[in-house]
Amino acid sequence: MSWKKLLIPLASVPVILLLAYGFRTDPKAIPSPLVQKAAPEFRLKSFDGGEVALADLKGKPVVLNFWASWCYPACYEEAPLLEATWKKYQGRGLMMVGVDIQDKDANAREFLQRFGFTFPNAPDPGSKVSIDYGVYGVPETFFIDRHGRIA
């Protein structure tokens, strides 16, 4: 038997092992390398015409949620929970910020209206904030403690 006939089966073994590992891994269990580090600063123009900046929220715990209108069903399932959490805890000092990524403005606004979001939300033009936070899929949520560290 020639080595050329063995090349394809031998080369496919690492690929099969890698795929098996990937399918076994729960993507929700992948820890962020940012945990316990300072949250990356951002300043975005919000959908309501205002501005939302992490620097303005110092001293308060912040829930930072990355979402998109095309993220179905996950973003649609968590949206009511996010709004309910905001309504329940905003009076206790909790801040919540939504960051819409890679979306069309009209679709994002329709999503916000559909779920009645009353907490600040802003698009992320150029995906700069998403990249800074290492977001590789939506939805993704970060909790930033009152000291500005990702918990």
N, C-alpha and C. Protein backbone atom coordinates (compact mmCIF):
# COMPACT_ATOMS: atom_id res chain seq x y z
N MET A 1 0.86 -1.18 0.00
CA MET A 1 0.00 0.00 0.00
C MET A 1 0.90 1.24 0.00
N SER A 2 0.58 2.16 -0.84
CA SER A 2 1.43 3.35 -0.93
C SER A 2 1.01 4.39 0.11
N TRP A 3 1.96 5.27 0.44
CA TRP A 3 1.69 6.31 1.43
C TRP A 3 0.64 7.29 0.96
N LYS A 4 0.47 7.42 -0.37
CA LYS A 4 -0.54 8.34 -0.91
C LYS A 4 -1.95 7.86 -0.58
N LYS A 5 -2.15 6.54 -0.54
CA LYS A 5 -3.48 6.01 -0.21
C LYS A 5 -3.81 6.21 1.27
N LEU A 6 -2.78 6.29 2.09
CA LEU A 6 -2.99 6.50 3.52
C LEU A 6 -3.13 7.98 3.89
N LEU A 7 -2.71 8.85 3.00
CA LEU A 7 -2.69 10.28 3.29
C LEU A 7 -4.08 10.84 3.61
N ILE A 8 -5.07 10.52 2.82
CA ILE A 8 -6.42 11.06 3.04
C ILE A 8 -7.01 10.55 4.35
N PRO A 9 -6.99 9.23 4.61
CA PRO A 9 -7.53 8.78 5.91
C PRO A 9 -6.78 9.37 7.10
N LEU A 10 -5.47 9.45 7.01
CA LEU A 10 -4.70 10.01 8.12
C LEU A 10 -4.97 11.50 8.31
N ALA A 11 -5.13 12.22 7.22
CA ALA A 11 -5.40 13.66 7.30
C ALA A 11 -6.81 13.93 7.82
N SER A 12 -7.72 13.01 7.61
CA SER A 12 -9.10 13.25 8.05
C SER A 12 -9.30 12.98 9.54
N VAL A 13 -8.43 12.22 10.17
CA VAL A 13 -8.56 11.92 11.60
C VAL A 13 -8.55 13.19 12.45
N PRO A 14 -7.57 14.10 12.30
CA PRO A 14 -7.60 15.33 13.11
C PRO A 14 -8.84 16.18 12.85
N VAL A 15 -9.30 16.21 11.61
CA VAL A 15 -10.50 16.99 11.29
C VAL A 15 -11.71 16.42 12.01
N ILE A 16 -11.85 15.10 11.98
CA ILE A 16 -12.98 14.45 12.65
C ILE A 16 -12.92 14.69 14.16
N LEU A 17 -11.73 14.58 14.74
CA LEU A 17 -11.58 14.83 16.17
C LEU A 17 -11.92 16.27 16.53
N LEU A 18 -11.49 17.21 15.71
CA LEU A 18 -11.78 18.62 15.95
C LEU A 18 -13.28 18.89 15.86
N LEU A 19 -13.94 18.32 14.87
CA LEU A 19 -15.39 18.49 14.74
C LEU A 19 -16.12 17.87 15.92
N ALA A 20 -15.70 16.69 16.33
CA ALA A 20 -16.34 16.03 17.47
C ALA A 20 -16.21 16.88 18.73
N TYR A 21 -15.04 17.45 18.95
CA TYR A 21 -14.84 18.32 20.10
C TYR A 21 -15.72 19.56 20.00
N GLY A 22 -15.78 20.15 18.82
CA GLY A 22 -16.57 21.37 18.61
C GLY A 22 -18.05 21.15 18.84
N PHE A 23 -18.57 20.02 18.39
CA PHE A 23 -19.99 19.74 18.58
C PHE A 23 -20.31 19.40 20.02
N ARG A 24 -19.31 18.92 20.76
CA ARG A 24 -19.51 18.56 22.15
C ARG A 24 -19.45 19.78 23.07
N THR A 25 -18.76 20.82 22.65
CA THR A 25 -18.55 22.00 23.47
C THR A 25 -19.80 22.89 23.47
N ASP A 26 -20.22 23.29 24.64
CA ASP A 26 -21.36 24.19 24.77
C ASP A 26 -20.88 25.63 24.59
N PRO A 27 -21.33 26.32 23.51
CA PRO A 27 -20.84 27.68 23.28
C PRO A 27 -21.19 28.65 24.41
N LYS A 28 -22.21 28.33 25.20
CA LYS A 28 -22.57 29.19 26.31
C LYS A 28 -21.55 29.09 27.44
N ALA A 29 -20.76 28.02 27.43
CA ALA A 29 -19.81 27.79 28.51
C ALA A 29 -18.44 28.38 28.22
N ILE A 30 -18.28 29.02 27.08
CA ILE A 30 -16.99 29.59 26.73
C ILE A 30 -16.81 30.88 27.52
N PRO A 31 -15.84 30.92 28.42
CA PRO A 31 -15.66 32.12 29.24
C PRO A 31 -15.03 33.25 28.44
N SER A 32 -15.40 34.44 28.78
CA SER A 32 -14.81 35.61 28.14
C SER A 32 -13.44 35.88 28.74
N PRO A 33 -12.45 36.20 27.90
CA PRO A 33 -11.14 36.56 28.44
C PRO A 33 -11.17 37.90 29.17
N LEU A 34 -12.29 38.61 29.09
CA LEU A 34 -12.40 39.92 29.73
C LEU A 34 -12.85 39.86 31.19
N VAL A 35 -13.25 38.68 31.65
CA VAL A 35 -13.74 38.55 33.03
C VAL A 35 -12.66 39.03 34.00
N GLN A 36 -13.09 39.87 34.94
CA GLN A 36 -12.25 40.50 35.97
C GLN A 36 -11.32 41.58 35.42
N LYS A 37 -11.51 41.96 34.17
CA LYS A 37 -10.72 43.05 33.59
C LYS A 37 -11.61 44.27 33.42
N ALA A 38 -10.97 45.42 33.24
CA ALA A 38 -11.73 46.66 33.02
C ALA A 38 -12.54 46.53 31.73
N ALA A 39 -13.80 46.93 31.82
CA ALA A 39 -14.66 46.89 30.64
C ALA A 39 -14.19 47.92 29.63
N PRO A 40 -14.12 47.56 28.35
CA PRO A 40 -13.72 48.53 27.33
C PRO A 40 -14.70 49.71 27.28
N GLU A 41 -14.15 50.89 27.22
CA GLU A 41 -14.97 52.11 27.15
C GLU A 41 -15.67 52.18 25.80
N PHE A 42 -16.83 52.82 25.79
CA PHE A 42 -17.53 53.07 24.53
C PHE A 42 -18.40 54.30 24.68
N ARG A 43 -18.70 54.91 23.57
CA ARG A 43 -19.63 56.03 23.48
C ARG A 43 -20.37 55.86 22.16
N LEU A 44 -21.69 55.69 22.26
CA LEU A 44 -22.51 55.45 21.07
C LEU A 44 -23.69 56.41 21.03
N LYS A 45 -24.12 56.73 19.84
CA LYS A 45 -25.33 57.52 19.66
C LYS A 45 -26.51 56.56 19.73
N SER A 46 -27.42 56.83 20.65
CA SER A 46 -28.53 55.91 20.87
C SER A 46 -29.64 56.11 19.84
N PHE A 47 -30.53 55.13 19.78
CA PHE A 47 -31.63 55.19 18.82
C PHE A 47 -32.55 56.38 19.08
N ASP A 48 -32.61 56.85 20.33
CA ASP A 48 -33.49 57.98 20.64
C ASP A 48 -32.81 59.33 20.39
N GLY A 49 -31.60 59.31 19.84
CA GLY A 49 -30.90 60.55 19.51
C GLY A 49 -29.94 61.02 20.58
N GLY A 50 -29.99 60.39 21.74
CA GLY A 50 -29.07 60.75 22.82
C GLY A 50 -27.73 60.04 22.66
N GLU A 51 -27.04 59.94 23.75
CA GLU A 51 -25.74 59.28 23.74
C GLU A 51 -25.65 58.36 24.94
N VAL A 52 -25.01 57.24 24.77
CA VAL A 52 -24.78 56.33 25.88
C VAL A 52 -23.28 56.04 25.92
N ALA A 53 -22.70 56.26 27.10
CA ALA A 53 -21.26 56.06 27.28
C ALA A 53 -21.01 55.33 28.58
N LEU A 54 -20.13 54.37 28.54
CA LEU A 54 -19.81 53.62 29.75
C LEU A 54 -19.24 54.54 30.83
N ALA A 55 -18.45 55.52 30.44
CA ALA A 55 -17.84 56.44 31.41
C ALA A 55 -18.90 57.16 32.24
N ASP A 56 -20.07 57.41 31.65
CA ASP A 56 -21.15 58.10 32.36
C ASP A 56 -21.86 57.19 33.36
N LEU A 57 -21.57 55.90 33.31
CA LEU A 57 -22.26 54.93 34.16
C LEU A 57 -21.37 54.42 35.30
N LYS A 58 -20.19 55.01 35.45
CA LYS A 58 -19.26 54.57 36.50
C LYS A 58 -19.95 54.63 37.87
N GLY A 59 -19.65 53.65 38.69
CA GLY A 59 -20.23 53.59 40.02
C GLY A 59 -21.54 52.83 40.07
N LYS A 60 -22.05 52.41 38.90
CA LYS A 60 -23.30 51.66 38.84
C LYS A 60 -23.04 50.31 38.18
N PRO A 61 -23.75 49.28 38.62
CA PRO A 61 -23.66 48.01 37.90
C PRO A 61 -24.37 48.15 36.56
N VAL A 62 -23.80 47.54 35.52
CA VAL A 62 -24.34 47.67 34.16
C VAL A 62 -24.52 46.30 33.53
N VAL A 63 -25.70 46.08 32.97
CA VAL A 63 -25.93 44.91 32.13
C VAL A 63 -25.80 45.40 30.70
N LEU A 64 -24.84 44.86 29.97
CA LEU A 64 -24.57 45.25 28.59
C LEU A 64 -24.94 44.09 27.69
N ASN A 65 -25.98 44.28 26.88
CA ASN A 65 -26.51 43.21 26.04
C ASN A 65 -26.31 43.53 24.57
N PHE A 66 -25.68 42.61 23.85
CA PHE A 66 -25.50 42.72 22.41
C PHE A 66 -26.59 41.90 21.74
N TRP A 67 -27.28 42.50 20.78
CA TRP A 67 -28.42 41.85 20.14
C TRP A 67 -28.51 42.28 18.68
N ALA A 68 -29.45 41.67 17.95
CA ALA A 68 -29.75 42.05 16.57
C ALA A 68 -31.16 41.60 16.24
N SER A 69 -31.81 42.32 15.36
CA SER A 69 -33.18 41.97 15.00
C SER A 69 -33.24 40.64 14.24
N TRP A 70 -32.17 40.27 13.58
CA TRP A 70 -32.13 39.03 12.81
C TRP A 70 -31.78 37.82 13.69
N CYS A 71 -31.51 38.06 14.96
CA CYS A 71 -31.13 36.99 15.90
C CYS A 71 -32.41 36.33 16.41
N TYR A 72 -32.85 35.32 15.69
CA TYR A 72 -34.09 34.63 16.04
C TYR A 72 -33.78 33.16 16.24
N PRO A 73 -34.23 32.51 17.25
CA PRO A 73 -35.19 32.95 18.24
C PRO A 73 -34.56 33.53 19.52
N ALA A 74 -33.26 33.37 19.70
CA ALA A 74 -32.64 33.69 20.99
C ALA A 74 -32.89 35.12 21.46
N CYS A 75 -32.66 36.11 20.60
CA CYS A 75 -32.85 37.51 21.01
C CYS A 75 -34.32 37.81 21.28
N TYR A 76 -35.20 37.16 20.53
CA TYR A 76 -36.63 37.36 20.73
C TYR A 76 -37.10 36.73 22.04
N GLU A 77 -36.47 35.64 22.42
CA GLU A 77 -36.84 34.99 23.68
C GLU A 77 -36.35 35.78 24.89
N GLU A 78 -35.16 36.37 24.80
CA GLU A 78 -34.63 37.06 25.97
C GLU A 78 -35.10 38.51 26.08
N ALA A 79 -35.60 39.09 25.00
CA ALA A 79 -36.00 40.50 25.02
C ALA A 79 -37.01 40.83 26.13
N PRO A 80 -38.09 40.07 26.28
CA PRO A 80 -39.03 40.39 27.37
C PRO A 80 -38.38 40.29 28.75
N LEU A 81 -37.45 39.36 28.92
CA LEU A 81 -36.77 39.21 30.21
C LEU A 81 -35.86 40.40 30.50
N LEU A 82 -35.20 40.90 29.46
CA LEU A 82 -34.34 42.08 29.64
C LEU A 82 -35.16 43.29 30.07
N GLU A 83 -36.27 43.52 29.38
CA GLU A 83 -37.11 44.67 29.72
C GLU A 83 -37.69 44.52 31.12
N ALA A 84 -38.13 43.31 31.48
CA ALA A 84 -38.67 43.07 32.82
C ALA A 84 -37.60 43.30 33.89
N THR A 85 -36.38 42.87 33.62
CA THR A 85 -35.28 43.09 34.57
C THR A 85 -35.01 44.57 34.73
N TRP A 86 -35.01 45.29 33.62
CA TRP A 86 -34.79 46.75 33.66
C TRP A 86 -35.86 47.43 34.51
N LYS A 87 -37.11 47.08 34.27
CA LYS A 87 -38.20 47.72 35.01
C LYS A 87 -38.12 47.40 36.51
N LYS A 88 -37.69 46.20 36.83
CA LYS A 88 -37.63 45.79 38.23
C LYS A 88 -36.47 46.43 38.98
N TYR A 89 -35.33 46.59 38.32
CA TYR A 89 -34.12 47.00 39.03
C TYR A 89 -33.58 48.40 38.71
N GLN A 90 -34.18 49.11 37.78
CA GLN A 90 -33.65 50.43 37.45
C GLN A 90 -33.70 51.39 38.63
N GLY A 91 -34.70 51.26 39.45
CA GLY A 91 -34.82 52.12 40.62
C GLY A 91 -33.81 51.80 41.71
N ARG A 92 -33.13 50.69 41.58
CA ARG A 92 -32.12 50.29 42.57
C ARG A 92 -30.70 50.58 42.09
N GLY A 93 -30.59 51.33 41.01
CA GLY A 93 -29.26 51.73 40.53
C GLY A 93 -28.69 50.91 39.40
N LEU A 94 -29.38 49.84 39.00
CA LEU A 94 -28.88 49.04 37.89
C LEU A 94 -29.07 49.79 36.58
N MET A 95 -28.05 49.77 35.75
CA MET A 95 -28.16 50.33 34.40
C MET A 95 -28.15 49.18 33.41
N MET A 96 -28.83 49.38 32.32
CA MET A 96 -28.88 48.38 31.26
C MET A 96 -28.68 49.10 29.95
N VAL A 97 -27.85 48.54 29.09
CA VAL A 97 -27.58 49.13 27.77
C VAL A 97 -27.64 48.02 26.74
N GLY A 98 -28.38 48.27 25.68
CA GLY A 98 -28.43 47.33 24.56
C GLY A 98 -27.59 47.86 23.41
N VAL A 99 -26.84 46.97 22.78
CA VAL A 99 -26.02 47.34 21.63
C VAL A 99 -26.45 46.46 20.46
N ASP A 100 -26.98 47.10 19.43
CA ASP A 100 -27.45 46.41 18.23
C ASP A 100 -26.28 46.28 17.26
N ILE A 101 -26.03 45.05 16.80
CA ILE A 101 -24.89 44.86 15.91
C ILE A 101 -25.31 44.34 14.53
N GLN A 102 -24.60 44.81 13.53
CA GLN A 102 -24.75 44.36 12.14
C GLN A 102 -26.22 44.24 11.74
N ASP A 103 -26.92 45.34 11.84
CA ASP A 103 -28.36 45.35 11.61
C ASP A 103 -28.75 46.52 10.72
N LYS A 104 -29.93 46.44 10.17
CA LYS A 104 -30.50 47.57 9.43
C LYS A 104 -31.27 48.43 10.42
N ASP A 105 -31.14 49.73 10.28
CA ASP A 105 -31.75 50.66 11.23
C ASP A 105 -33.25 50.41 11.38
N ALA A 106 -33.96 50.28 10.28
CA ALA A 106 -35.41 50.09 10.35
C ALA A 106 -35.77 48.80 11.09
N ASN A 107 -35.04 47.75 10.82
CA ASN A 107 -35.31 46.47 11.49
C ASN A 107 -35.02 46.55 12.99
N ALA A 108 -33.94 47.23 13.34
CA ALA A 108 -33.59 47.39 14.75
C ALA A 108 -34.67 48.20 15.48
N ARG A 109 -35.11 49.28 14.87
CA ARG A 109 -36.15 50.11 15.50
C ARG A 109 -37.46 49.34 15.66
N GLU A 110 -37.78 48.51 14.69
CA GLU A 110 -38.99 47.69 14.78
C GLU A 110 -38.87 46.69 15.94
N PHE A 111 -37.68 46.11 16.10
CA PHE A 111 -37.43 45.19 17.21
C PHE A 111 -37.62 45.90 18.55
N LEU A 112 -37.03 47.09 18.68
CA LEU A 112 -37.15 47.86 19.93
C LEU A 112 -38.61 48.18 20.24
N GLN A 113 -39.35 48.56 19.22
CA GLN A 113 -40.77 48.90 19.41
C GLN A 113 -41.58 47.65 19.76
N ARG A 114 -41.29 46.56 19.08
CA ARG A 114 -42.03 45.32 19.31
C ARG A 114 -41.94 44.88 20.77
N PHE A 115 -40.75 45.02 21.36
CA PHE A 115 -40.55 44.56 22.73
C PHE A 115 -40.64 45.69 23.75
N GLY A 116 -40.92 46.90 23.30
CA GLY A 116 -41.13 48.02 24.21
C GLY A 116 -39.94 48.36 25.08
N PHE A 117 -38.75 48.23 24.52
CA PHE A 117 -37.54 48.54 25.29
C PHE A 117 -37.55 49.99 25.75
N THR A 118 -37.35 50.18 27.05
CA THR A 118 -37.28 51.53 27.61
C THR A 118 -35.89 51.85 28.14
N PHE A 119 -34.99 50.88 28.12
CA PHE A 119 -33.60 51.15 28.53
C PHE A 119 -32.80 51.58 27.30
N PRO A 120 -31.69 52.28 27.50
CA PRO A 120 -30.92 52.81 26.37
C PRO A 120 -30.42 51.70 25.43
N ASN A 121 -30.59 51.95 24.14
CA ASN A 121 -30.12 51.05 23.10
C ASN A 121 -29.46 51.87 22.01
N ALA A 122 -28.42 51.32 21.42
CA ALA A 122 -27.68 52.05 20.39
C ALA A 122 -27.12 51.08 19.36
N PRO A 123 -27.06 51.52 18.11
CA PRO A 123 -26.39 50.70 17.10
C PRO A 123 -24.87 50.80 17.28
N ASP A 124 -24.18 49.81 16.77
CA ASP A 124 -22.72 49.76 16.85
C ASP A 124 -22.14 49.86 15.43
N PRO A 125 -22.08 51.07 14.89
CA PRO A 125 -21.57 51.21 13.52
C PRO A 125 -20.11 50.77 13.43
N GLY A 126 -19.84 49.96 12.42
CA GLY A 126 -18.48 49.46 12.26
C GLY A 126 -18.12 48.35 13.23
N SER A 127 -19.05 47.96 14.08
CA SER A 127 -18.86 46.88 15.06
C SER A 127 -17.69 47.10 16.01
N LYS A 128 -17.30 48.34 16.24
CA LYS A 128 -16.14 48.62 17.09
C LYS A 128 -16.34 48.12 18.52
N VAL A 129 -17.50 48.42 19.10
CA VAL A 129 -17.75 48.00 20.49
C VAL A 129 -17.83 46.47 20.56
N SER A 130 -18.50 45.88 19.60
CA SER A 130 -18.60 44.41 19.56
C SER A 130 -17.22 43.77 19.49
N ILE A 131 -16.36 44.32 18.68
CA ILE A 131 -14.99 43.79 18.56
C ILE A 131 -14.24 43.97 19.87
N ASP A 132 -14.36 45.15 20.47
CA ASP A 132 -13.67 45.41 21.74
C ASP A 132 -14.08 44.43 22.84
N TYR A 133 -15.34 44.01 22.81
CA TYR A 133 -15.84 43.07 23.81
C TYR A 133 -15.69 41.61 23.39
N GLY A 134 -15.19 41.38 22.18
CA GLY A 134 -14.98 40.01 21.72
C GLY A 134 -16.26 39.28 21.41
N VAL A 135 -17.29 40.01 21.01
CA VAL A 135 -18.58 39.39 20.69
C VAL A 135 -18.44 38.62 19.38
N TYR A 136 -18.80 37.37 19.41
CA TYR A 136 -18.73 36.56 18.20
C TYR A 136 -20.09 35.99 17.82
N GLY A 137 -21.11 36.36 18.53
CA GLY A 137 -22.46 35.93 18.23
C GLY A 137 -23.43 36.65 19.14
N VAL A 138 -24.67 36.71 18.73
CA VAL A 138 -25.69 37.34 19.56
C VAL A 138 -26.76 36.31 19.89
N PRO A 139 -27.41 36.46 21.01
CA PRO A 139 -27.19 37.49 22.00
C PRO A 139 -25.97 37.17 22.87
N GLU A 140 -25.38 38.20 23.37
CA GLU A 140 -24.28 38.05 24.32
C GLU A 140 -24.43 39.17 25.35
N THR A 141 -24.32 38.80 26.61
CA THR A 141 -24.55 39.76 27.69
C THR A 141 -23.36 39.78 28.65
N PHE A 142 -22.99 40.98 29.06
CA PHE A 142 -21.91 41.18 30.02
C PHE A 142 -22.47 41.90 31.24
N PHE A 143 -21.97 41.54 32.41
CA PHE A 143 -22.30 42.28 33.62
C PHE A 143 -21.05 43.03 34.04
N ILE A 144 -21.17 44.33 34.15
CA ILE A 144 -20.05 45.19 34.54
C ILE A 144 -20.34 45.69 35.95
N ASP A 145 -19.43 45.40 36.87
CA ASP A 145 -19.67 45.79 38.26
C ASP A 145 -19.49 47.30 38.45
N ARG A 146 -19.81 47.78 39.63
CA ARG A 146 -19.77 49.23 39.88
C ARG A 146 -18.36 49.81 39.82
N HIS A 147 -17.35 48.94 39.77
CA HIS A 147 -15.96 49.39 39.64
C HIS A 147 -15.49 49.37 38.19
N GLY A 148 -16.40 49.01 37.27
CA GLY A 148 -16.07 49.01 35.85
C GLY A 148 -15.39 47.75 35.35
N ARG A 149 -15.45 46.68 36.15
CA ARG A 149 -14.85 45.41 35.75
C ARG A 149 -15.94 44.45 35.27
N ILE A 150 -15.58 43.64 34.30
CA ILE A 150 -16.52 42.63 33.81
C ILE A 150 -16.53 41.47 34.79
N ALA A 151 -17.73 41.14 35.25
CA ALA A 151 -17.88 40.06 36.24
C ALA A 151 -18.22 38.75 35.55
